[in-house]
Amino acid sequence: MTHFSKLLAWYSKEVGTTEVPLGSNKGPRVHFYQSSTGAYNAAWCVSFLQKGLQENQVSRIADRSAGVFYVAGWARKHGLTRSQPKPGYFVCFMRAAGHIGVVRAVTPTTFSTIEGNTTNKVRSDHVYPRSGPYVFIQVPGVDYGDKKVAPKPPPRPKYVPRFQVVAGEGTKAKVLVNWGKWKVVQARIPTLVAKRKAVRVKRKMIKNPPQG
């Protein structure tokens, strides 16, 4: 899947592209966008977004349509409409002849966009209130970073051997070394044997012992 940030980066670098001549729905770069839908010399706001998908290896949506209302209807039919904006979502403006852009950024009260074919160019300076006649679309094939990441499993307990040295039996047994590492206990055994004649070494496994 293509991350939404990569998609937004592509749209952002197109900001400033203009029609040639202005008001014509024509121009070399505009025709490049329109090649994604085949709607040459027609309103190109949808074609601009479709071309961005195509250039980023994301399948074009809504049967490669260049129509805003068709795109919105297709999204509703396929369960892709969302109630709130999110960077990388497409947004259909459901008024007049219709218009579409891609959400660039979101605040608690507004969202901003990148739009093609707005005043004859690609612009990124429009800011809108979050409530309005909009249809937000989550584009299939785009990674919006909202997949839940499974928590890391807790580390498996570590068991290590520790050793105790005792002298005597039963209630009279005396602990000479209490559950130390073997290299420490082993070094003391000759001295303890010389003093006590006989000692016993016990071994047990300790779970997650402190370091050191």
Foldseek 3Di string as FASTA:
>chain_A
DAALVVLVVVLVVQFPAFAVVFPFCHDDVSVVLCVQQVPGRDQRFLSNSSSSCVVRVHHRPLNSDRALVSRLVRQVVVVFWDLWADANWKKWAPDDRIAIFGWHDDDPFKTWTFTQRDSRGTHTPDIGTGDHRMTTGDGPPYCHPPDDDDDDDDDDKDKDKFKWKWADDDPPIDTPGDGHDPVVVVVCVVVVCVVRVDIDMDMDIDIPDDDD
